[in-house]
Protein backbone atom coordinates (compact mmCIF):
# COMPACT_ATOMS: atom_id res chain seq x y z
CA LEU A 1 -44.83 -1.01 30.36
CA LEU A 2 -44.86 -0.16 26.28
CA GLU A 3 -48.69 -1.17 26.22
CA ARG A 4 -49.51 1.40 28.69
CA LEU A 5 -48.21 4.23 26.35
CA PRO A 6 -51.00 5.98 24.11
CA PRO A 7 -51.00 5.05 20.26
CA GLY A 8 -48.42 7.25 18.50
CA THR A 9 -45.44 8.27 16.99
CA GLU A 10 -43.97 8.45 20.21
CA ARG A 11 -44.92 5.00 21.10
CA LEU A 12 -43.25 3.54 18.12
CA ARG A 13 -39.83 5.00 18.89
CA ALA A 14 -39.87 3.84 21.91
CA GLU A 15 -40.69 0.32 20.72
CA MET A 16 -38.09 0.89 17.98
CA THR A 17 -35.58 1.24 21.01
CA LEU A 18 -36.41 -1.34 22.58
CA ARG A 19 -36.62 -3.99 19.59
CA ALA A 20 -32.94 -2.61 19.06
CA ILE A 21 -32.02 -3.82 22.47
CA GLU A 22 -33.74 -7.05 22.28
CA SER A 23 -32.08 -7.72 18.60
CA THR A 24 -28.57 -7.21 20.51
CA ALA A 25 -29.25 -9.55 23.31
CA ALA A 26 -30.85 -12.08 21.18
CA PHE A 27 -27.42 -11.85 18.91
CA SER A 28 -25.50 -12.81 22.24
CA VAL A 29 -28.04 -15.59 23.55
CA TYR A 30 -29.35 -17.32 20.16
CA GLY A 31 -26.60 -16.42 17.19
CA GLY A 32 -26.65 -13.28 14.85
CA GLY A 33 -28.70 -15.25 12.27
CA SER A 34 -31.34 -16.65 14.50
CA ASN A 35 -35.29 -16.54 14.46
CA GLU A 36 -34.92 -14.85 17.89
CA ARG A 37 -32.97 -11.91 16.31
CA GLU A 38 -34.74 -11.79 13.22
CA ARG A 39 -38.27 -11.12 14.65
CA PRO A 40 -37.24 -7.79 16.30
CA ILE A 41 -35.35 -6.80 13.20
CA ARG A 42 -38.26 -7.40 11.21
CA ARG A 43 -40.46 -5.41 13.51
CA MET A 44 -37.76 -2.32 13.48
CA CYS A 45 -38.30 -2.41 9.86
CA ASP A 46 -42.37 -2.63 10.06
CA ILE A 47 -41.86 0.31 12.51
CA GLY A 48 -39.83 2.52 10.44
CA GLU A 49 -42.14 2.35 7.72
CA GLN A 50 -45.04 3.26 10.10
CA ILE A 51 -43.32 6.26 11.19
CA GLY A 52 -41.91 6.95 7.61
CA GLU A 53 -39.16 9.49 8.57
CA THR A 54 -36.02 8.09 6.67
CA ASP A 55 -33.73 7.75 10.07
CA GLN A 56 -35.98 5.46 11.29
CA VAL A 57 -36.45 3.56 8.23
CA LEU A 58 -32.75 3.16 7.83
CA ARG A 59 -32.51 1.71 11.39
CA GLY A 60 -34.84 -1.23 10.14
CA LEU A 61 -32.83 -1.72 7.19
CA VAL A 62 -29.49 -1.73 8.72
CA GLY A 63 -30.56 -3.94 11.12
CA LEU A 64 -31.94 -6.31 8.47
CA SER A 65 -28.24 -5.71 6.47
CA SER A 66 -26.22 -6.97 9.57
CA LEU A 67 -28.74 -10.21 9.96
CA TYR A 68 -27.62 -11.00 6.34
CA VAL A 69 -24.05 -10.55 7.27
CA VAL A 70 -24.19 -13.35 10.09
CA ARG A 71 -26.23 -15.42 7.42
CA GLY A 72 -23.59 -15.21 4.84
CA GLU A 73 -26.14 -13.77 2.41
CA CYS A 74 -23.72 -11.25 0.74
CA THR A 75 -25.59 -10.80 -2.61
CA ARG A 76 -29.09 -9.84 -0.39
CA GLY A 77 -26.84 -8.38 1.83
CA LEU A 78 -25.00 -5.86 -0.51
CA GLU A 79 -28.06 -4.82 -2.71
CA LEU A 80 -29.83 -3.93 0.80
CA THR A 81 -26.65 -1.37 1.80
CA ALA A 82 -26.94 -0.29 -1.60
CA ARG A 83 -30.30 0.97 -1.12
CA CYS A 84 -29.29 2.07 2.50
CA LEU A 85 -26.40 4.22 0.86
CA GLU A 86 -29.30 5.99 -1.44
CA LEU A 87 -31.39 6.63 1.35
CA ALA A 88 -28.60 8.29 3.60
CA ASP A 89 -28.09 12.00 4.01
CA PRO A 90 -23.87 12.36 5.31
CA SER A 91 -25.27 15.40 6.78
CA ARG A 92 -28.05 14.10 8.93
CA ASP A 93 -27.29 10.29 9.14
CA ALA A 94 -23.99 9.98 9.97
CA ASP A 95 -24.44 7.68 12.66
CA LEU A 96 -25.88 5.64 10.56
CA LEU A 97 -23.61 5.60 7.62
CA VAL A 98 -21.01 3.94 10.25
CA ASP A 99 -23.05 0.71 10.45
CA ILE A 100 -23.91 0.91 6.89
CA HIS A 101 -20.03 1.14 5.44
CA TRP A 102 -19.74 -1.39 8.30
CA ASN A 103 -22.26 -4.03 6.82
CA GLU A 104 -21.01 -3.25 3.26
CA GLY A 105 -17.17 -4.17 4.11
CA LEU A 106 -17.78 -7.21 5.97
CA LEU A 107 -20.33 -8.45 3.00
CA ALA A 108 -17.86 -7.32 0.23
CA ASP A 109 -15.27 -9.34 2.57
CA PHE A 110 -17.07 -12.47 3.03
CA GLY A 111 -18.13 -11.90 -0.82
CA GLY A 112 -14.33 -11.97 -1.63
CA ASP A 113 -13.69 -8.53 -2.69
CA LEU A 114 -10.88 -7.95 -0.77
CA PRO A 115 -10.03 -4.42 -2.03
CA TRP A 116 -13.54 -3.18 -1.68
CA ALA A 117 -13.92 -4.68 1.92
CA LEU A 118 -10.67 -3.10 2.87
CA ALA A 119 -11.58 0.42 1.40
CA THR A 120 -15.11 0.25 3.04
CA LEU A 121 -14.08 -0.87 5.99
CA LYS A 122 -11.66 1.82 6.16
CA ASP A 123 -14.48 4.15 5.63
CA GLY A 124 -16.73 2.67 8.42
CA LEU A 125 -13.89 3.23 10.53
CA ALA A 126 -13.35 7.00 9.84
CA TYR A 127 -16.88 7.74 10.61
CA ALA A 128 -17.28 5.81 13.56
CA GLN A 129 -13.91 7.83 14.99
CA ARG A 130 -16.07 11.00 13.83
CA MET A 131 -18.84 10.01 16.04
CA ASN A 132 -16.87 8.97 18.53
CA ARG A 133 -18.77 5.43 18.34
CA THR A 134 -17.12 2.59 20.52
CA PHE A 135 -19.15 -0.33 19.31
CA SER A 136 -20.17 -1.92 16.06
CA PRO A 137 -23.26 -2.73 15.28
CA GLU A 138 -23.07 -6.15 16.60
CA ARG A 139 -21.79 -4.75 20.21
CA PHE A 140 -18.35 -5.58 19.20
CA LEU A 141 -15.47 -2.58 20.32
CA PHE A 142 -14.78 -1.34 17.24
CA THR A 143 -11.24 -1.07 16.94
CA ALA A 144 -11.10 -4.97 17.92
CA SER A 145 -13.58 -5.65 15.51
CA PHE A 146 -12.00 -3.56 12.76
CA LYS A 147 -8.45 -5.04 13.23
CA VAL A 148 -9.60 -8.88 13.06
CA ASN A 149 -11.33 -8.44 9.81
CA LEU A 150 -8.48 -6.52 8.46
CA ALA A 151 -6.38 -9.14 10.09
CA ASN A 152 -8.08 -12.00 8.16
CA ALA A 153 -8.19 -10.03 5.03
CA PHE A 154 -4.47 -9.17 5.18
CA GLN A 155 -3.71 -12.67 5.25
CA LEU A 156 -5.20 -13.65 2.06
CA LEU A 157 -3.73 -10.54 0.42
CA GLY A 158 -0.49 -12.20 1.40
CA ARG A 159 0.32 -9.65 3.89
CA ILE A 160 1.00 -12.47 6.50
CA GLY A 161 3.23 -9.66 8.90
CA ASP A 162 0.04 -7.19 9.06
CA SER A 163 -2.19 -9.83 9.76
CA VAL A 164 -0.40 -11.11 12.62
CA LYS A 165 0.31 -7.78 14.38
CA LEU A 166 -3.46 -6.64 13.75
CA ALA A 167 -4.84 -10.12 15.47
CA GLU A 168 -2.76 -9.61 18.30
CA GLU A 169 -3.27 -6.08 18.78
CA ALA A 170 -7.31 -7.05 18.34
CA LEU A 171 -7.34 -9.28 21.11
CA GLN A 172 -5.33 -6.94 23.22
CA ASP A 173 -7.54 -4.44 22.86
CA ALA A 174 -10.54 -5.87 23.82
CA ARG A 175 -8.75 -7.62 27.04
CA ASP A 176 -7.68 -3.94 27.81
CA SER A 177 -11.59 -2.89 27.36
CA LYS A 178 -12.46 -5.90 29.65
CA HIS A 179 -15.62 -6.40 27.34
CA LEU A 180 -16.27 -10.01 27.51
CA PHE A 181 -18.28 -10.09 24.08
CA SER A 182 -15.06 -8.44 22.39
CA ILE A 183 -12.69 -10.74 24.45
CA CYS A 184 -14.51 -13.75 23.17
CA PHE A 185 -14.97 -12.42 19.40
CA ALA A 186 -11.05 -11.38 19.30
CA LEU A 187 -10.44 -14.77 20.57
CA THR A 188 -12.57 -16.91 18.17
CA ALA A 189 -12.97 -14.47 15.25
CA PRO A 190 -9.18 -14.53 13.73
CA VAL A 191 -9.45 -17.63 10.98
CA CYS A 192 -5.93 -16.33 9.55
CA MET A 193 -4.76 -18.37 12.27
CA LEU A 194 -6.50 -21.60 11.17
CA TRP A 195 -4.96 -20.64 7.70
CA ARG A 196 -1.54 -20.26 8.48
CA ARG A 197 -1.88 -23.89 9.99
CA GLU A 198 -1.05 -22.39 13.46
CA ALA A 199 -2.62 -25.57 15.15
CA ALA A 200 -1.08 -25.09 18.85
CA THR A 201 -2.16 -21.07 18.71
CA VAL A 202 -5.40 -22.19 17.43
CA ARG A 203 -6.57 -24.44 20.14
CA VAL A 204 -5.17 -22.06 22.84
CA HIS A 205 -7.02 -19.17 21.99
CA MET A 206 -10.25 -21.48 21.27
CA GLU A 207 -10.08 -23.18 24.35
CA GLU A 208 -9.95 -19.90 26.01
CA GLY A 209 -13.10 -18.75 23.57
CA ILE A 210 -15.01 -21.78 24.13
CA ALA A 211 -14.73 -21.40 28.04
CA LEU A 212 -15.52 -17.78 28.13
CA ALA A 213 -18.71 -18.56 25.52
CA GLU A 214 -19.85 -21.09 27.68
CA GLN A 215 -19.62 -19.55 31.11
CA HIS A 216 -21.56 -16.32 29.47
CA GLY A 217 -24.30 -18.01 27.05
CA PHE A 218 -22.00 -16.59 23.80
CA ALA A 219 -23.99 -18.88 21.49
CA THR A 220 -22.11 -18.04 17.98
CA PHE A 221 -18.79 -17.77 19.70
CA LEU A 222 -19.26 -21.35 20.98
CA ALA A 223 -20.33 -22.80 17.71
CA VAL A 224 -17.64 -20.96 16.07
CA GLY A 225 -14.60 -21.58 18.70
CA ARG A 226 -15.19 -25.34 18.24
CA VAL A 227 -15.33 -25.49 14.49
CA TYR A 228 -11.99 -23.82 14.34
CA HIS A 229 -10.63 -26.25 17.32
CA GLY A 230 -12.07 -29.41 15.84
CA SER A 231 -10.34 -28.35 12.86
CA ALA A 232 -6.74 -27.70 14.36
CA LEU A 233 -7.20 -31.57 16.15
CA VAL A 234 -7.59 -33.14 12.62
CA GLU A 235 -4.75 -30.98 11.38
CA VAL A 236 -2.33 -32.85 14.17
CA GLY A 237 -3.97 -36.08 13.55
CA GLN A 238 -6.18 -36.04 16.20
CA ILE A 239 -9.31 -36.81 13.17
CA GLU A 240 -11.88 -38.67 15.22
CA ALA A 241 -11.78 -36.12 17.87
CA GLY A 242 -11.81 -32.99 15.53
CA VAL A 243 -14.52 -34.28 13.31
CA GLU A 244 -17.02 -34.63 16.54
CA GLU A 245 -16.11 -31.16 17.56
CA MET A 246 -16.58 -30.01 14.12
CA GLN A 247 -19.91 -31.74 13.65
CA GLU A 248 -21.54 -30.48 16.81
CA ALA A 249 -20.43 -27.04 15.63
CA VAL A 250 -22.13 -27.22 12.11
CA ALA A 251 -25.33 -28.49 13.77
CA SER A 252 -25.06 -25.35 16.27
CA PHE A 253 -25.00 -23.13 13.03
CA ARG A 254 -27.73 -24.77 11.27
CA ARG A 255 -29.71 -24.14 14.31
CA MET A 256 -28.83 -20.68 14.32
CA ARG A 257 -29.56 -20.07 10.84
CA GLY A 258 -26.38 -19.30 9.97
CA PHE A 259 -22.89 -17.80 10.22
CA PRO A 260 -20.76 -15.97 7.68
CA ARG A 261 -18.08 -18.83 7.33
CA GLU A 262 -20.70 -21.62 7.83
CA GLN A 263 -19.96 -23.20 4.15
CA TYR A 264 -16.53 -23.06 4.66
CA ALA A 265 -16.85 -24.96 8.44
CA ASN A 266 -18.91 -27.41 6.30
CA ALA A 267 -15.44 -28.11 4.15
CA LEU A 268 -13.37 -28.37 6.98
CA LEU A 269 -15.90 -31.01 8.59
CA ALA A 270 -16.14 -32.53 4.75
CA TYR A 271 -12.14 -32.68 4.59
CA GLY A 272 -12.46 -34.08 8.12
CA TYR A 273 -14.77 -36.99 6.83
CA ALA A 274 -12.41 -37.48 3.86
CA ARG A 275 -9.31 -38.27 6.43
CA LEU A 276 -11.58 -40.99 8.27
CA GLY A 277 -12.06 -42.58 4.85
CA HIS A 278 -15.64 -41.30 3.80
CA SER A 279 -14.38 -39.43 0.62
CA GLU A 280 -17.86 -39.81 -1.29
CA GLN A 281 -19.61 -38.28 1.89
CA ALA A 282 -17.04 -35.51 1.78
CA LEU A 283 -17.34 -34.75 -1.56
CA SER A 284 -21.10 -34.37 -1.55
CA MET A 285 -20.89 -32.18 1.12
CA LEU A 286 -18.42 -30.14 -0.54
CA ASN A 287 -20.51 -29.75 -3.67
CA ALA A 288 -23.46 -28.77 -1.51
CA ALA A 289 -21.10 -26.28 -0.01
CA LEU A 290 -20.13 -24.86 -3.25
CA ALA A 291 -23.53 -24.69 -4.90
CA HIS A 292 -24.60 -22.80 -1.85
CA ILE A 293 -21.85 -20.28 -1.83
CA GLU A 294 -22.91 -19.61 -5.88
CA ARG A 295 -26.36 -18.77 -4.49
CA SER A 296 -25.39 -16.46 -1.37
CA GLY A 297 -22.45 -14.97 -3.07
CA GLN A 298 -20.49 -16.37 0.15
CA LYS A 299 -17.41 -16.82 -1.57
CA ALA A 300 -14.34 -15.46 0.18
CA GLU A 301 -13.07 -19.62 0.93
CA GLN A 302 -14.25 -20.69 -2.48
CA ALA A 303 -10.45 -21.11 -3.98
CA GLU A 304 -9.81 -22.58 -0.50
CA MET A 305 -12.86 -24.95 -0.73
CA LEU A 306 -12.09 -25.99 -4.68
CA ARG A 307 -8.59 -26.94 -3.30
CA LEU A 308 -9.87 -29.13 -0.57
CA LYS A 309 -12.26 -30.63 -3.50
CA GLY A 310 -9.18 -31.37 -5.14
CA GLU A 311 -7.28 -33.26 -2.52
CA ILE A 312 -10.33 -35.41 -1.67
CA VAL A 313 -11.13 -36.44 -5.26
CA LEU A 314 -7.27 -37.47 -5.34
CA MET A 315 -8.07 -40.01 -2.28
CA ARG A 316 -10.07 -42.19 -4.66
CA GLY A 317 -6.47 -43.01 -7.00
CA ARG A 318 -4.70 -42.13 -10.09
CA SER A 319 -7.95 -42.39 -11.78
CA ALA A 320 -9.15 -39.34 -10.18
CA LEU A 321 -5.85 -37.13 -11.44
CA PRO A 322 -7.51 -35.35 -14.21
CA GLU A 323 -10.29 -34.03 -12.08
CA ALA A 324 -8.21 -33.15 -9.14
CA GLU A 325 -5.98 -31.12 -11.52
CA SER A 326 -9.02 -29.77 -12.92
CA CYS A 327 -10.42 -28.47 -9.31
CA PHE A 328 -6.64 -27.04 -9.09
CA HIS A 329 -6.73 -24.93 -11.80
CA ALA A 330 -10.41 -23.60 -11.30
CA ALA A 331 -9.22 -22.71 -7.75
CA LEU A 332 -6.05 -20.55 -8.77
CA ASP A 333 -8.32 -18.95 -11.07
CA VAL A 334 -10.78 -17.91 -8.07
CA ALA A 335 -7.72 -16.91 -5.70
CA ARG A 336 -6.31 -14.44 -8.64
CA ALA A 337 -9.46 -13.14 -9.60
CA GLN A 338 -10.02 -12.09 -5.56
CA GLU A 339 -6.10 -11.34 -5.60
CA ALA A 340 -6.35 -13.76 -2.40
CA LYS A 341 -2.16 -14.58 -3.03
CA TRP A 342 -2.71 -17.23 0.37
CA TRP A 343 -5.27 -19.26 -1.36
CA GLU A 344 -3.28 -19.09 -4.54
CA LEU A 345 -0.25 -20.08 -2.84
CA ARG A 346 -1.73 -23.26 -1.29
CA THR A 347 -3.41 -24.01 -4.22
CA SER A 348 -0.11 -23.74 -6.30
CA VAL A 349 1.81 -26.02 -3.84
CA SER A 350 -1.48 -28.74 -4.35
CA LEU A 351 -1.01 -28.45 -7.77
CA ALA A 352 2.76 -28.55 -8.24
CA ARG A 353 2.82 -31.67 -5.98
CA LEU A 354 0.18 -33.18 -8.70
CA LEU A 355 2.38 -32.29 -11.26
CA ARG A 356 5.26 -33.73 -9.61
CA ASP A 357 3.80 -37.23 -8.91
CA THR A 358 2.81 -37.19 -12.48
CA GLY A 359 6.16 -37.06 -14.01
CA ARG A 360 5.96 -33.18 -14.72
CA ARG A 361 8.51 -31.50 -12.80
CA ASP A 362 9.40 -28.81 -14.90
CA GLU A 363 5.69 -27.87 -14.65
CA ALA A 364 5.80 -28.05 -10.94
CA ARG A 365 8.48 -25.78 -10.97
CA THR A 366 6.70 -22.94 -12.95
CA THR A 367 3.99 -23.26 -11.06
CA VAL A 368 5.49 -22.66 -7.69
CA ALA A 369 7.68 -19.91 -9.32
CA GLU A 370 4.90 -18.06 -10.57
CA ILE A 371 3.61 -17.46 -6.64
CA TYR A 372 6.91 -17.27 -5.04
CA ASN A 373 8.01 -14.46 -7.18
CA GLY A 374 4.84 -12.71 -6.92
CA SER A 375 4.24 -9.82 -4.69
CA PRO A 376 0.85 -8.72 -2.99
CA LYS A 377 -0.03 -5.45 -4.17
CA ALA A 378 -0.98 -3.42 -1.09
CA SER A 379 -1.67 -0.33 -3.23
CA THR A 380 -5.01 -1.81 -4.57
CA CYS A 381 -7.02 -1.79 -1.13
CA GLY A 382 -6.20 1.90 -0.41
CA ILE A 383 -4.36 1.16 2.88
CA SER A 384 -0.84 1.53 3.34
């Protein structure tokens, strides 16, 4: 039908709308980072340049920024959102500013800058409320999406009660909306449950999310649900079953060309391999994942990945104690720089255990006391 329209600006505008719909459908069926989604987004960028109007150019660039979000390409994505903010006119492009701030907040979150992420997501939500926007750029219910991402960030900041409450509210909001895509997202995206090692809760939520994703063809949520479900199985000792499930999920991420926490998923799989006795293969995988996040800027789980590396190194025996201790200290440095109290706590416990086992009990007590006596600085994120 589009080809029947005469060439010109109106035809390009019509195609822009169609490509945006195609991009949304491709997100659901093939994954948010897939080639099938990238093609219509690249075409939107071309159309925007042909029309030459700022709002049309921005529509393409915002779509491309969203692609970088899903692929975990935080450095490239933040550079692009900065360009979008320079182009956008608040009085004319307020609706697009919702998406720009949203993408920027997610990229900052996945990049490990928690205060910036929370402040920017808050701006995105404010614009969304002002514009009466119901859905995020990825077509999730805005309130549910905001609360899920906030729950994950609060968990890392050490605000555990807030994290639990928001994740529960997000799922209830999604269920009340009866929007299946948002329900599946709210079931599988709160990775904070896995960080708290709530294996039973993770399994229940992921099993429901996996069933929903299989029924309706939500590719990304199917893979996400499987990797977290598999990790929960490893946590309770069903290691072979968990590793098998995570292998399938990680392979899906590669086919879909990415997922914002893909390298963390690789780290979880590596730890599963180590639990099966394949420590050298696990270390090779972890080193590759750590090298990737240095290139991409996808550093939200960097501290935990370094801690996991230390735990795997310890499996080599006492000769590996200095290397493992070095990993734990590196993880602490990252966690403190990111204000990630949760990673700092977890790493402090790993380090204290090592110090205890090497006869340095006073050091061990001091290490744990420092984080135990510390308190998260909620004021730094601008949200009470």
